[in-house]
Amino acid sequence: MTSFPYVSYLRVFEPLDAFSDDEQLLIMEQRSRDRRATEELDRGESLRRITRTVSDPFPHDSEDLVRVLHYPSPEGLTTPYYCPNQLAVRSTLAAESISHSLHNPLLGLLLPEAARDAQQQRLDPDTFADSLAKLHTRSSTWGIPFGWFVLFREDDHAEVIEGRHGVETVRLSAPLMQCIDRARYAAASLAVAAPGLDLLDELTEITEWMETFTLSGMLELDYGRVADMVYPDDSPSDVQAGIESLAEGDMTGAAAAYRRLATRWIKIRQLARAS
């Protein structure tokens, strides 16, 4: 497996009828490809973009990828749900974020102005606006936001993907409406017990994001390569225990839950600062 940074993803998967006719045609063309093949295609394309002779990390005219989640029912059957990669939009947003934190000449080396201008020319304004309003994928580098763990439980569907060198990733998935209910309950508890916590704002924002999608969809947390360093992972349980302790006024319990979380994830966050 090619070595890539520790990036984790939170993805919304929707049923086929939630998409436009053009999107459904794209999905139908790719629905038979298995998930591992899709991930390998995505990694391969990323590697080709960053190793171009001329510095230009943006995707050009390649067809967008679609991920398929086969979610199991209690009867043992599976239902397919779909998540478009929306790479052109996400790469544009990432470039804008970098441009606010870097300055020339470093910005010019990583994202030449000519490449940024060409990317703007390639984007269709209507398609870009639609994708921006309904962005199916969120990403986090060098760790998973604790707010994401609020959305999942230890008994949710889990898929462990192993490779030759250990765990490649772990994917947790749950019905979107269930995740929204969990976020709302946690936010309501924090609003009373700890209204000053940044986690409350994070949960409010992420709930609004989830509510833009078809409520019959599914939510997936894809750990990425960080899974090999933390799995088996008790973070969802620890976050839940911390919020419940705060709601009950148990500061000792809340502090203990936070210490467990911090101890588990500090080694990964330190890698972001390693030279």
Protein backbone atom coordinates (compact mmCIF):
# COMPACT_ATOMS: atom_id res chain seq x y z
CA MET A 1 0.00 0.00 0.00
CA THR A 2 1.38 3.42 -0.96
CA SER A 3 2.20 5.59 2.04
CA PHE A 4 -0.10 8.60 2.37
CA PRO A 5 -0.68 11.07 5.20
CA TYR A 6 -2.98 10.17 8.06
CA VAL A 7 -6.27 11.40 6.62
CA SER A 8 -9.65 10.27 7.97
CA TYR A 9 -13.03 10.83 6.32
CA LEU A 10 -16.64 11.34 7.33
CA ARG A 11 -18.88 10.46 4.40
CA VAL A 12 -22.60 10.54 3.70
CA PHE A 13 -23.91 7.77 1.44
CA GLU A 14 -27.35 8.18 -0.14
CA PRO A 15 -29.74 5.85 -2.01
CA LEU A 16 -29.74 5.96 -5.79
CA ASP A 17 -32.94 7.99 -6.08
CA ALA A 18 -31.39 10.86 -4.12
CA PHE A 19 -29.20 11.75 -7.10
CA SER A 20 -29.88 13.54 -10.38
CA ASP A 21 -30.25 11.63 -13.65
CA ASP A 22 -26.67 12.42 -14.70
CA GLU A 23 -25.33 11.35 -11.31
CA GLN A 24 -27.34 8.13 -11.47
CA LEU A 25 -25.79 7.29 -14.85
CA LEU A 26 -22.31 7.78 -13.36
CA ILE A 27 -23.25 5.59 -10.39
CA MET A 28 -24.64 2.83 -12.61
CA GLU A 29 -21.38 2.74 -14.54
CA GLN A 30 -19.37 2.23 -11.33
CA ARG A 31 -21.70 0.36 -8.97
CA SER A 32 -20.17 -3.06 -9.69
CA ARG A 33 -16.61 -1.99 -8.74
CA ASP A 34 -15.66 -3.09 -5.25
CA ARG A 35 -14.54 -0.65 -2.58
CA ARG A 36 -10.90 -1.71 -2.50
CA ALA A 37 -10.57 -1.08 -6.24
CA THR A 38 -12.14 2.36 -5.84
CA GLU A 39 -9.72 3.29 -3.05
CA GLU A 40 -6.75 2.09 -5.10
CA LEU A 41 -7.92 4.18 -8.07
CA ASP A 42 -8.27 7.23 -5.83
CA ARG A 43 -4.80 6.78 -4.32
CA GLY A 44 -3.27 6.14 -7.73
CA GLU A 45 -4.79 9.30 -9.19
CA SER A 46 -3.59 11.32 -6.19
CA LEU A 47 -0.06 10.04 -6.65
CA ARG A 48 -0.08 10.88 -10.36
CA ARG A 49 -1.29 14.42 -9.68
CA ILE A 50 1.39 15.22 -7.11
CA THR A 51 4.20 13.72 -9.21
CA ARG A 52 3.45 15.62 -12.41
CA THR A 53 6.46 17.23 -14.06
CA VAL A 54 4.74 20.60 -13.78
CA SER A 55 3.39 21.35 -10.31
CA ASP A 56 -0.38 21.02 -10.58
CA PRO A 57 -2.18 18.95 -7.91
CA PHE A 58 -5.68 19.60 -9.31
CA PRO A 59 -7.73 16.93 -11.10
CA HIS A 60 -8.27 17.63 -14.76
CA ASP A 61 -10.90 15.92 -16.88
CA SER A 62 -10.96 12.47 -15.30
CA GLU A 63 -14.34 10.94 -14.39
CA ASP A 64 -15.36 11.41 -10.79
CA LEU A 65 -15.29 8.29 -8.62
CA VAL A 66 -18.26 6.92 -6.69
CA ARG A 67 -17.93 4.86 -3.50
CA VAL A 68 -20.49 2.17 -2.70
CA LEU A 69 -21.49 1.18 0.83
CA HIS A 70 -23.33 -2.12 1.18
CA TYR A 71 -25.14 -1.75 4.50
CA PRO A 72 -26.42 -4.97 6.08
CA SER A 73 -30.00 -5.37 7.28
CA PRO A 74 -31.07 -7.49 10.28
CA GLU A 75 -32.28 -10.09 7.76
CA GLY A 76 -28.76 -10.50 6.41
CA LEU A 77 -29.38 -8.69 3.11
CA THR A 78 -27.45 -5.59 2.05
CA THR A 79 -28.63 -2.34 0.50
CA PRO A 80 -26.29 -0.21 -1.65
CA TYR A 81 -25.74 3.47 -0.89
CA TYR A 82 -23.54 5.86 -2.85
CA CYS A 83 -21.07 8.66 -2.13
CA PRO A 84 -19.64 10.72 -5.03
CA ASN A 85 -16.02 11.73 -4.53
CA GLN A 86 -16.62 15.33 -5.68
CA LEU A 87 -12.86 15.67 -6.07
CA ALA A 88 -12.86 18.85 -8.18
CA VAL A 89 -14.83 20.75 -5.54
CA ARG A 90 -12.93 19.34 -2.56
CA SER A 91 -9.54 20.05 -4.12
CA THR A 92 -10.61 23.62 -4.87
CA LEU A 93 -11.70 24.11 -1.26
CA ALA A 94 -8.44 22.60 -0.02
CA ALA A 95 -6.45 24.97 -2.24
CA GLU A 96 -8.38 27.95 -0.85
CA SER A 97 -7.65 26.80 2.68
CA ILE A 98 -3.93 26.44 1.93
CA SER A 99 -3.81 29.85 0.28
CA HIS A 100 -4.97 31.43 3.56
CA SER A 101 -2.21 29.76 5.57
CA LEU A 102 0.73 29.95 3.16
CA HIS A 103 2.31 32.87 1.36
CA ASN A 104 4.53 33.24 -1.67
CA PRO A 105 6.98 31.86 -2.64
CA LEU A 106 5.93 28.61 -0.90
CA LEU A 107 2.33 28.94 -2.07
CA GLY A 108 3.54 29.49 -5.62
CA LEU A 109 5.60 26.30 -5.47
CA LEU A 110 2.76 24.13 -4.19
CA LEU A 111 -0.11 25.78 -6.03
CA PRO A 112 1.15 27.82 -8.98
CA GLU A 113 -1.16 30.65 -9.99
CA ALA A 114 -1.46 29.20 -13.50
CA ALA A 115 -2.72 25.90 -12.07
CA ARG A 116 -5.24 27.69 -9.84
CA ASP A 117 -6.50 29.77 -12.77
CA ALA A 118 -6.82 26.66 -14.96
CA GLN A 119 -8.80 24.92 -12.24
CA GLN A 120 -11.26 27.81 -12.06
CA GLN A 121 -11.70 27.63 -15.82
CA ARG A 122 -12.49 23.91 -15.65
CA LEU A 123 -15.20 24.28 -12.99
CA ASP A 124 -18.81 24.62 -14.04
CA PRO A 125 -20.34 27.31 -11.77
CA ASP A 126 -23.71 25.58 -11.43
CA THR A 127 -22.24 22.15 -10.70
CA PHE A 128 -19.74 23.66 -8.29
CA ALA A 129 -22.48 25.49 -6.39
CA ASP A 130 -24.63 22.36 -6.15
CA SER A 131 -21.74 20.24 -4.88
CA LEU A 132 -20.66 22.91 -2.43
CA ALA A 133 -24.17 23.01 -0.96
CA LYS A 134 -24.20 19.22 -0.60
CA LEU A 135 -20.64 18.12 -0.01
CA HIS A 136 -20.71 14.40 0.82
CA THR A 137 -17.20 14.09 2.26
CA ARG A 138 -15.36 15.74 5.14
CA SER A 139 -11.72 15.03 5.87
CA SER A 140 -9.38 15.44 8.81
CA THR A 141 -5.59 15.12 8.80
CA TRP A 142 -3.51 13.79 11.71
CA GLY A 143 -6.43 12.69 13.85
CA ILE A 144 -10.19 12.39 14.04
CA PRO A 145 -12.25 15.23 15.58
CA PHE A 146 -13.85 14.07 18.82
CA GLY A 147 -17.19 15.36 17.56
CA TRP A 148 -17.21 12.66 14.88
CA PHE A 149 -17.15 9.97 17.55
CA VAL A 150 -20.39 11.34 19.03
CA LEU A 151 -22.16 10.05 15.92
CA PHE A 152 -21.22 6.39 16.39
CA ARG A 153 -21.53 3.60 18.96
CA GLU A 154 -19.39 0.55 19.63
CA ASP A 155 -22.12 -1.78 18.30
CA ASP A 156 -22.50 0.01 14.95
CA HIS A 157 -21.53 -1.84 11.80
CA ALA A 158 -17.73 -2.00 11.57
CA GLU A 159 -15.53 -3.15 8.70
CA VAL A 160 -11.84 -3.78 9.39
CA ILE A 161 -9.66 -3.71 6.26
CA GLU A 162 -6.35 -5.47 6.75
CA GLY A 163 -3.32 -5.48 4.51
CA ARG A 164 0.15 -7.00 4.49
CA HIS A 165 1.47 -4.41 6.92
CA GLY A 166 -1.39 -4.21 9.40
CA VAL A 167 -4.79 -2.54 9.50
CA GLU A 168 -5.30 -0.36 6.42
CA THR A 169 -8.49 1.25 7.72
CA VAL A 170 -11.57 0.74 9.85
CA ARG A 171 -14.98 1.92 8.63
CA LEU A 172 -17.89 2.50 10.99
CA SER A 173 -21.33 3.08 9.50
CA ALA A 174 -24.79 3.85 10.85
CA PRO A 175 -28.13 5.22 9.58
CA LEU A 176 -27.90 8.98 9.04
CA MET A 177 -31.07 9.76 11.01
CA GLN A 178 -29.70 7.83 13.98
CA CYS A 179 -26.47 9.83 13.83
CA ILE A 180 -28.42 13.10 13.72
CA ASP A 181 -30.40 12.04 16.80
CA ARG A 182 -27.17 11.21 18.64
CA ALA A 183 -25.67 14.57 17.76
CA ARG A 184 -28.81 16.45 18.83
CA TYR A 185 -28.97 14.60 22.16
CA ALA A 186 -25.28 15.25 22.88
CA ALA A 187 -25.62 18.92 21.91
CA ALA A 188 -28.66 19.35 24.16
CA SER A 189 -26.75 17.77 27.06
CA LEU A 190 -23.72 20.00 26.52
CA ALA A 191 -25.85 23.13 26.11
CA VAL A 192 -27.00 22.66 29.71
CA ALA A 193 -23.89 21.16 31.31
CA ALA A 194 -21.00 22.79 29.43
CA PRO A 195 -22.18 25.53 27.04
CA GLY A 196 -18.66 26.89 26.62
CA LEU A 197 -17.19 23.74 25.09
CA ASP A 198 -16.00 23.96 21.48
CA LEU A 199 -17.53 20.51 21.00
CA LEU A 200 -21.00 22.04 21.25
CA ASP A 201 -20.37 24.37 18.31
CA GLU A 202 -18.84 21.49 16.36
CA LEU A 203 -21.90 19.30 16.93
CA THR A 204 -24.29 22.10 15.95
CA GLU A 205 -22.42 22.67 12.70
CA ILE A 206 -22.09 19.00 11.83
CA THR A 207 -25.79 18.38 12.51
CA GLU A 208 -26.72 21.14 10.07
CA TRP A 209 -24.43 19.49 7.51
CA MET A 210 -26.03 16.05 7.95
CA GLU A 211 -29.53 17.52 7.65
CA THR A 212 -28.83 18.65 4.07
CA PHE A 213 -28.93 15.03 2.88
CA THR A 214 -31.67 12.46 2.35
CA LEU A 215 -32.45 11.22 5.85
CA SER A 216 -32.65 7.62 4.66
CA GLY A 217 -28.92 7.72 3.89
CA MET A 218 -25.97 6.32 5.82
CA LEU A 219 -23.01 7.93 7.57
CA GLU A 220 -19.54 6.39 7.46
CA LEU A 221 -16.43 7.16 9.48
CA ASP A 222 -13.36 5.98 7.57
CA TYR A 223 -10.33 6.01 9.89
CA GLY A 224 -7.79 5.72 7.08
CA ARG A 225 -4.20 4.80 7.97
CA VAL A 226 -4.60 6.12 11.50
CA ALA A 227 -6.57 2.95 12.28
CA ASP A 228 -3.38 0.91 12.52
CA MET A 229 -2.25 3.08 15.45
CA VAL A 230 -5.47 3.13 17.48
CA TYR A 231 -7.59 0.10 16.62
CA PRO A 232 -9.30 -1.48 18.56
CA ASP A 233 -10.57 1.97 19.45
CA ASP A 234 -12.79 2.91 22.40
CA SER A 235 -13.08 6.58 21.39
CA PRO A 236 -16.85 6.51 20.65
CA SER A 237 -17.48 5.01 24.10
CA ASP A 238 -15.11 7.46 25.80
CA VAL A 239 -16.74 10.48 24.15
CA GLN A 240 -20.17 9.22 25.12
CA ALA A 241 -19.02 8.58 28.71
CA GLY A 242 -17.51 12.07 28.91
CA ILE A 243 -20.71 13.78 27.74
CA GLU A 244 -22.86 11.71 30.10
CA SER A 245 -20.54 12.52 33.00
CA LEU A 246 -20.79 16.24 32.23
CA ALA A 247 -24.59 16.00 32.07
CA GLU A 248 -24.62 14.32 35.49
CA GLY A 249 -22.21 16.83 36.99
CA ASP A 250 -19.51 14.16 37.39
CA MET A 251 -16.39 16.18 36.63
CA THR A 252 -14.10 13.34 37.73
CA GLY A 253 -15.69 10.95 35.24
CA ALA A 254 -15.56 13.55 32.48
CA ALA A 255 -11.87 14.26 33.16
CA ALA A 256 -11.06 10.54 33.13
CA ALA A 257 -12.79 10.06 29.76
CA TYR A 258 -10.93 13.03 28.30
CA ARG A 259 -7.59 11.70 29.59
CA ARG A 260 -8.21 8.37 27.89
CA LEU A 261 -9.00 10.15 24.63
CA ALA A 262 -6.04 12.52 24.85
CA THR A 263 -3.60 9.72 25.68
CA ARG A 264 -4.81 7.68 22.71
CA TRP A 265 -4.63 10.47 20.14
CA ILE A 266 -1.70 12.61 21.31
CA LYS A 267 0.87 10.34 19.65
CA ILE A 268 -0.85 10.85 16.29
CA ARG A 269 -1.18 14.62 16.66
CA GLN A 270 2.54 14.75 17.52
CA LEU A 271 3.33 13.21 14.15
CA ALA A 272 1.91 16.32 12.50
CA ARG A 273 4.70 18.34 14.13
CA ALA A 274 7.47 15.81 13.52
CA SER A 275 10.16 16.77 11.04
